[in-house]
């Protein structure tokens, strides 16, 4: 249907009227709520922000593969992402009103360095004399267990998959395929090992030896961290650290966890610890209440970086950024 000039003018007039009506309505609403709504407004502000100065137990949830995701553009950060969790734990260590942390982990592992950064954040909490309990979800293995091992106490369900203490490196050799399709790679390098890990050929014995040294050094760091966190003899940890996974019930037998139980049991335990330590019941900030949501927005500081809308709607497995993987991982 085609509008004539008169109809177009009328349509624009109605649109302009609607636009102008919005600020008028807001102004009239604010004007009518001067004195009579003042108490309600103050009460709402108190209920929304008072928790920021309230002694509380902070629930932090870590989910998915552990890697440095700081460069991923998003208007609203994922509160369970590794980088966000690391920052949140660091802030909690400095926040006098956060008295304890319940760390809920559901992760198969990830990169060595990022697992260590989050582990250091947990250690910082303990250095500030703040109790930390780890609650394992479906899977808390490898890098996920690295982090959990530093908690004061670890809970896992009987069927939780955990352990997998070790480090692995993936290399791919495509030289045979390249030959079949007629590709002849040429590499110009400054040193013998500059193209180590290339997919164009099999690694040399010297390269395998060098990479193995890196893996074993990272492995030693892992075993040492577990030994210190769990207060176990290092040699005893090594006997468990051959990469195998354990069920929660098996992990309890070999002392990789402390108690069997889910999220509610872990929450009950940290409430009890805080009751004894501080002599009072503490507010639980699990991020689900309106107060927790406001805190998440304040944490994010509403910084909106440049967004690639095409990449933002892709699943991570199809996102080009995700293909840039580090060589060695805890997984």
Protein backbone atom coordinates (compact mmCIF):
# COMPACT_ATOMS: atom_id res chain seq x y z
CA UNK A 1 0.00 0.00 0.00
CA UNK A 2 1.35 3.43 -0.95
CA UNK A 3 0.78 6.43 1.32
CA UNK A 4 -0.19 9.78 -0.18
CA UNK A 5 1.43 13.00 1.05
CA UNK A 6 -1.34 13.71 3.57
CA UNK A 7 -1.05 10.27 5.12
CA UNK A 8 2.73 10.60 5.31
CA UNK A 9 2.44 13.89 7.17
CA UNK A 10 -0.05 12.35 9.62
CA UNK A 11 2.23 9.34 10.21
CA UNK A 12 5.22 11.56 10.93
CA UNK A 13 3.12 13.71 13.25
CA UNK A 14 2.00 10.66 15.25
CA UNK A 15 5.57 9.40 15.47
CA UNK A 16 6.81 12.77 16.69
CA UNK A 17 4.01 12.90 19.26
CA UNK A 18 4.98 9.45 20.62
CA UNK A 19 8.64 10.45 20.89
CA UNK A 20 7.81 13.66 22.72
CA UNK A 21 5.39 11.83 25.02
CA UNK A 22 8.17 9.66 26.51
CA UNK A 23 10.18 12.42 28.30
CA UNK A 24 6.94 14.17 29.28
CA UNK A 25 5.68 10.99 30.94
CA UNK A 26 8.98 10.44 32.71
CA UNK A 27 9.05 14.06 33.90
CA UNK A 28 5.48 13.93 35.19
CA UNK A 29 6.21 10.67 36.97
CA UNK A 30 9.31 12.03 38.67
CA UNK A 31 7.51 15.25 39.59
CA UNK A 32 4.64 13.39 41.24
CA UNK A 33 6.98 11.22 43.27
CA UNK A 34 8.88 13.94 45.12
CA UNK A 35 8.02 13.56 48.77
CA UNK A 36 5.65 10.61 48.88
CA UNK A 37 8.04 8.31 46.98
CA UNK A 38 11.22 9.51 48.66
CA UNK A 39 11.05 6.88 51.38
CA UNK A 40 10.39 4.11 48.85
CA UNK A 41 13.32 5.28 46.75
CA UNK A 42 15.67 5.31 49.73
CA UNK A 43 14.44 1.90 50.79
CA UNK A 44 15.05 0.47 47.29
CA UNK A 45 18.54 1.95 47.18
CA UNK A 46 19.32 0.41 50.53
CA UNK A 47 18.12 -3.04 49.50
CA UNK A 48 20.00 -2.80 46.19
CA UNK A 49 23.38 -1.53 47.41
CA UNK A 50 23.60 -2.24 51.13
CA UNK A 51 24.98 -5.70 50.39
CA UNK A 52 28.17 -4.06 49.07
CA UNK A 53 29.02 -3.15 52.66
CA UNK A 54 27.63 -6.34 54.13
CA UNK A 55 29.84 -9.18 55.34
CA UNK A 56 29.19 -12.04 52.97
CA UNK A 57 30.17 -15.37 51.46
CA UNK A 58 30.96 -14.93 47.79
CA UNK A 59 30.05 -17.72 45.38
CA UNK A 60 32.32 -17.78 42.31
CA UNK A 61 31.59 -20.14 39.42
CA UNK A 62 34.24 -21.25 36.92
CA UNK A 63 32.98 -23.15 33.88
CA UNK A 64 34.40 -24.42 30.60
CA UNK A 65 37.91 -24.61 29.20
CA UNK A 66 40.44 -22.56 31.14
CA UNK A 67 42.34 -20.17 28.86
CA UNK A 68 43.05 -16.46 28.64
CA UNK A 69 39.87 -15.00 27.18
CA UNK A 70 40.54 -11.34 27.97
CA UNK A 71 40.64 -10.34 24.30
CA UNK A 72 37.17 -11.71 23.56
CA UNK A 73 34.80 -8.84 22.81
CA UNK A 74 31.50 -8.82 24.67
CA UNK A 75 29.15 -6.18 25.98
CA UNK A 76 28.42 -8.26 29.08
CA UNK A 77 31.27 -10.49 30.35
CA UNK A 78 30.54 -14.10 31.23
CA UNK A 79 30.80 -14.29 35.06
CA UNK A 80 32.04 -17.90 34.82
CA UNK A 81 34.81 -17.18 32.29
CA UNK A 82 38.43 -17.71 33.41
CA UNK A 83 39.59 -14.08 33.15
CA UNK A 84 36.49 -12.77 34.93
CA UNK A 85 36.85 -15.37 37.70
CA UNK A 86 40.50 -14.46 38.22
CA UNK A 87 39.64 -10.76 38.55
CA UNK A 88 36.72 -11.50 40.85
CA UNK A 89 38.88 -13.61 43.18
CA UNK A 90 41.56 -10.91 43.25
CA UNK A 91 38.98 -8.26 44.18
CA UNK A 92 37.47 -10.55 46.80
CA UNK A 93 40.87 -10.89 48.48
CA UNK A 94 41.01 -7.10 48.88
CA UNK A 95 37.34 -6.64 49.84
CA UNK A 96 37.04 -6.54 53.63
CA UNK A 97 33.37 -7.49 53.41
CA UNK A 98 34.01 -10.76 51.53
CA UNK A 99 34.74 -13.12 54.39
CA UNK A 100 34.85 -16.44 52.51
CA UNK A 101 34.56 -17.88 49.01
CA UNK A 102 32.77 -20.91 47.66
CA UNK A 103 34.42 -21.77 44.34
CA UNK A 104 32.17 -23.90 42.12
CA UNK A 105 34.21 -25.50 39.30
CA UNK A 106 32.95 -27.35 36.25
CA UNK A 107 35.93 -27.59 33.89
CA UNK A 108 37.95 -30.26 32.05
CA UNK A 109 41.11 -28.14 32.30
CA UNK A 110 42.90 -25.77 29.99
CA UNK A 111 46.16 -23.90 29.56
CA UNK A 112 48.92 -24.10 32.13
CA UNK A 113 49.47 -20.38 32.66
CA UNK A 114 45.82 -19.40 33.10
CA UNK A 115 45.23 -22.28 35.51
CA UNK A 116 48.19 -21.01 37.52
CA UNK A 117 46.90 -17.42 37.54
CA UNK A 118 43.56 -18.48 38.99
CA UNK A 119 45.38 -20.75 41.44
CA UNK A 120 47.46 -17.78 42.61
CA UNK A 121 44.23 -15.81 43.13
CA UNK A 122 42.94 -18.60 45.40
CA UNK A 123 46.22 -18.54 47.32
CA UNK A 124 45.85 -14.80 47.79
CA UNK A 125 42.44 -15.31 49.41
CA UNK A 126 43.96 -17.77 51.85
CA UNK A 127 46.82 -15.36 52.55
CA UNK A 128 44.16 -12.88 53.67
CA UNK A 129 42.78 -15.53 56.04
CA UNK A 130 39.58 -16.05 54.04
CA UNK A 131 38.23 -19.62 53.97
CA UNK A 132 37.89 -21.15 50.50
CA UNK A 133 35.88 -24.27 49.69
CA UNK A 134 35.89 -25.85 46.23
CA UNK A 135 32.76 -27.57 44.97
CA UNK A 136 33.23 -29.81 41.93
CA UNK A 137 30.52 -30.11 39.30
CA UNK A 138 30.30 -32.75 36.57
CA UNK A 139 34.01 -32.49 35.75
CA UNK A 140 36.86 -30.79 37.59
CA UNK A 141 39.95 -32.26 36.01
CA UNK A 142 43.53 -31.31 35.15
CA UNK A 143 43.77 -27.49 35.25
CA UNK A 144 40.42 -27.43 37.07
CA UNK A 145 41.83 -29.73 39.75
CA UNK A 146 45.03 -27.64 39.84
CA UNK A 147 42.87 -24.72 41.03
CA UNK A 148 40.65 -26.78 43.37
CA UNK A 149 43.69 -28.32 45.09
CA UNK A 150 44.47 -24.98 46.73
CA UNK A 151 41.13 -24.73 48.55
CA UNK A 152 40.87 -25.39 52.28
CA UNK A 153 38.38 -28.15 51.53
CA UNK A 154 37.15 -29.92 48.40
CA UNK A 155 33.66 -31.36 47.87
CA UNK A 156 32.76 -33.62 44.93
CA UNK A 157 29.77 -35.75 44.04
CA UNK A 158 30.40 -39.51 43.91
CA UNK A 159 30.16 -39.43 40.12
CA UNK A 160 32.23 -36.28 39.53
CA UNK A 161 35.16 -36.82 37.17
CA UNK A 162 38.37 -35.39 38.57
CA UNK A 163 42.11 -35.94 38.66
CA UNK A 164 43.82 -36.09 35.27
CA UNK A 165 46.92 -34.59 36.87
CA UNK A 166 49.32 -34.06 34.02
CA UNK A 167 50.26 -31.98 30.99
CA UNK A 168 49.85 -32.77 27.30
CA UNK A 169 50.99 -31.26 24.02
CA UNK A 170 49.31 -31.83 20.65
CA UNK A 171 51.32 -31.80 17.42
CA UNK A 172 50.06 -32.56 13.91
CA UNK A 173 52.18 -33.70 10.94
CA UNK A 174 50.55 -32.91 7.57
CA UNK A 175 53.61 -33.55 5.41
CA UNK A 176 52.20 -36.68 3.74
CA UNK A 177 48.98 -34.88 2.80
CA UNK A 178 50.97 -31.92 1.49
CA UNK A 179 52.98 -34.24 -0.75
CA UNK A 180 49.84 -35.79 -2.21
CA UNK A 181 48.33 -32.45 -3.14
CA UNK A 182 51.60 -30.97 -4.37
CA UNK A 183 52.46 -28.51 -1.62
CA UNK A 184 56.17 -27.92 -0.96
CA UNK A 185 56.64 -25.71 2.13
CA UNK A 186 59.71 -23.50 2.37
CA UNK A 187 60.85 -22.29 5.81
CA UNK A 188 63.43 -19.61 6.44
CA UNK A 189 64.34 -19.35 10.12
CA UNK A 190 66.82 -17.64 12.39
CA UNK A 191 67.60 -20.65 14.52
CA UNK A 192 67.35 -24.42 14.72
CA UNK A 193 64.19 -24.49 16.81
CA UNK A 194 62.34 -21.45 15.45
CA UNK A 195 59.83 -23.59 13.52
CA UNK A 196 59.36 -26.13 16.28
CA UNK A 197 55.86 -27.63 16.18
CA UNK A 198 55.35 -26.92 12.48
CA UNK A 199 52.76 -29.10 10.75
CA UNK A 200 54.90 -29.40 7.60
CA UNK A 201 57.17 -32.15 8.94
CA UNK A 202 57.69 -34.61 11.77
CA UNK A 203 59.56 -33.21 14.79
CA UNK A 204 63.26 -34.06 15.11
CA UNK A 205 64.69 -35.97 18.08
CA UNK A 206 66.16 -32.75 19.43
CA UNK A 207 62.80 -31.01 19.18
CA UNK A 208 61.00 -33.87 20.91
CA UNK A 209 63.56 -33.74 23.71
CA UNK A 210 63.17 -29.96 24.09
CA UNK A 211 59.37 -30.14 24.15
CA UNK A 212 59.45 -33.04 26.58
CA UNK A 213 61.56 -30.94 28.96
CA UNK A 214 58.89 -28.21 28.86
CA UNK A 215 56.12 -30.73 29.51
CA UNK A 216 57.94 -32.34 32.42
CA UNK A 217 58.80 -28.96 33.96
CA UNK A 218 55.11 -27.95 33.78
CA UNK A 219 54.20 -31.36 35.20
CA UNK A 220 56.56 -30.82 38.13
CA UNK A 221 54.92 -27.45 38.82
CA UNK A 222 51.51 -29.18 38.80
CA UNK A 223 52.58 -31.95 41.16
CA UNK A 224 54.25 -29.45 43.50
CA UNK A 225 51.10 -27.30 43.62
CA UNK A 226 48.92 -30.32 44.46
CA UNK A 227 51.43 -31.50 47.06
CA UNK A 228 51.41 -28.11 48.78
CA UNK A 229 47.69 -27.51 48.48
CA UNK A 230 46.65 -30.95 49.66
CA UNK A 231 49.49 -31.23 52.19
CA UNK A 232 50.58 -34.51 50.65
CA UNK A 233 54.04 -35.92 50.07
CA UNK A 234 55.23 -35.08 46.55
CA UNK A 235 56.10 -38.69 45.76
CA UNK A 236 52.64 -39.78 46.90
CA UNK A 237 51.09 -37.26 44.50
CA UNK A 238 53.27 -38.54 41.64
CA UNK A 239 51.82 -42.02 42.08
CA UNK A 240 48.37 -40.55 41.44
CA UNK A 241 49.52 -38.14 38.74
CA UNK A 242 49.85 -40.33 35.66
CA UNK A 243 47.02 -38.57 33.84
CA UNK A 244 44.26 -40.95 34.96
CA UNK A 245 40.85 -39.67 35.98
CA UNK A 246 39.00 -40.60 39.16
CA UNK A 247 35.37 -40.62 40.17
CA UNK A 248 34.53 -38.53 43.21
CA UNK A 249 34.32 -41.65 45.33
CA UNK A 250 37.72 -42.88 44.10
CA UNK A 251 39.22 -39.43 44.64
CA UNK A 252 38.08 -39.48 48.27
CA UNK A 253 39.90 -42.78 48.85
CA UNK A 254 43.20 -41.40 47.54
CA UNK A 255 42.74 -38.07 49.38
CA UNK A 256 42.40 -35.86 46.32
CA UNK A 257 39.15 -34.51 47.81
CA UNK A 258 37.86 -34.18 51.38
CA UNK A 259 34.15 -34.97 51.32
CA UNK A 260 31.42 -36.32 49.07
CA UNK A 261 28.63 -33.86 48.43
CA UNK A 262 27.19 -31.42 45.94
CA UNK A 263 26.83 -27.66 45.86
CA UNK A 264 24.37 -27.50 48.78
CA UNK A 265 26.62 -29.57 51.03
CA UNK A 266 29.62 -27.38 50.19
CA UNK A 267 27.56 -24.25 50.85
CA UNK A 268 26.40 -25.63 54.18
CA UNK A 269 30.00 -26.40 55.12
CA UNK A 270 31.31 -22.91 54.38
CA UNK A 271 28.37 -21.36 56.25
CA UNK A 272 29.28 -23.47 59.25
CA UNK A 273 32.96 -22.50 59.02
CA UNK A 274 32.05 -18.82 58.85
CA UNK A 275 29.61 -19.14 61.75
CA UNK A 276 32.44 -20.49 63.93
CA UNK A 277 35.04 -18.06 62.61
CA UNK A 278 33.01 -14.84 62.69
CA UNK A 279 30.32 -15.70 65.21
CA UNK A 280 27.41 -14.85 62.92
CA UNK A 281 25.49 -15.97 59.85
CA UNK A 282 26.76 -14.36 56.66
CA UNK A 283 24.83 -13.24 53.60
CA UNK A 284 25.44 -15.53 50.59
CA UNK A 285 26.18 -13.60 47.41
CA UNK A 286 25.59 -16.20 44.68
CA UNK A 287 24.92 -13.72 41.87
CA UNK A 288 21.29 -14.82 41.46
CA UNK A 289 19.68 -12.15 43.62
CA UNK A 290 19.03 -8.62 42.38
CA UNK A 291 21.92 -7.53 44.57
CA UNK A 292 24.21 -10.06 42.93
CA UNK A 293 23.18 -8.93 39.48
CA UNK A 294 23.90 -5.32 40.36
CA UNK A 295 27.31 -6.38 41.68
CA UNK A 296 28.05 -8.15 38.40
CA UNK A 297 27.20 -5.00 36.46
CA UNK A 298 29.40 -2.93 38.75
CA UNK A 299 32.24 -5.42 38.32
CA UNK A 300 31.92 -5.24 34.55
CA UNK A 301 32.03 -1.42 34.70
CA UNK A 302 29.94 -1.49 31.56
CA UNK A 303 32.99 -1.22 29.31
CA UNK A 304 31.89 -2.02 25.78
CA UNK A 305 34.85 -2.79 23.49
CA UNK A 306 34.62 -3.01 19.72
CA UNK A 307 32.26 -5.84 18.88
CA UNK A 308 32.52 -8.16 15.91
CA UNK A 309 28.85 -9.12 15.63
CA UNK A 310 29.58 -11.96 13.23
CA UNK A 311 32.03 -13.59 15.63
CA UNK A 312 29.88 -12.88 18.67
CA UNK A 313 27.05 -15.08 17.39
CA UNK A 314 29.28 -17.97 16.35
CA UNK A 315 29.81 -20.90 18.70
CA UNK A 316 33.36 -20.98 20.07
CA UNK A 317 34.24 -24.06 18.03
CA UNK A 318 33.60 -22.09 14.83
CA UNK A 319 35.10 -18.81 16.02
CA UNK A 320 38.38 -18.06 14.21
CA UNK A 321 39.88 -16.75 17.46
CA UNK A 322 39.38 -20.12 19.11
CA UNK A 323 41.64 -21.86 16.58
CA UNK A 324 44.67 -20.03 17.97
CA UNK A 325 45.47 -22.61 20.63
CA UNK A 326 48.60 -22.83 22.80
CA UNK A 327 50.82 -25.85 22.35
CA UNK A 328 50.57 -27.40 25.78
CA UNK A 329 47.53 -27.68 27.98
CA UNK A 330 46.28 -29.27 31.15
CA UNK A 331 43.35 -31.28 29.93
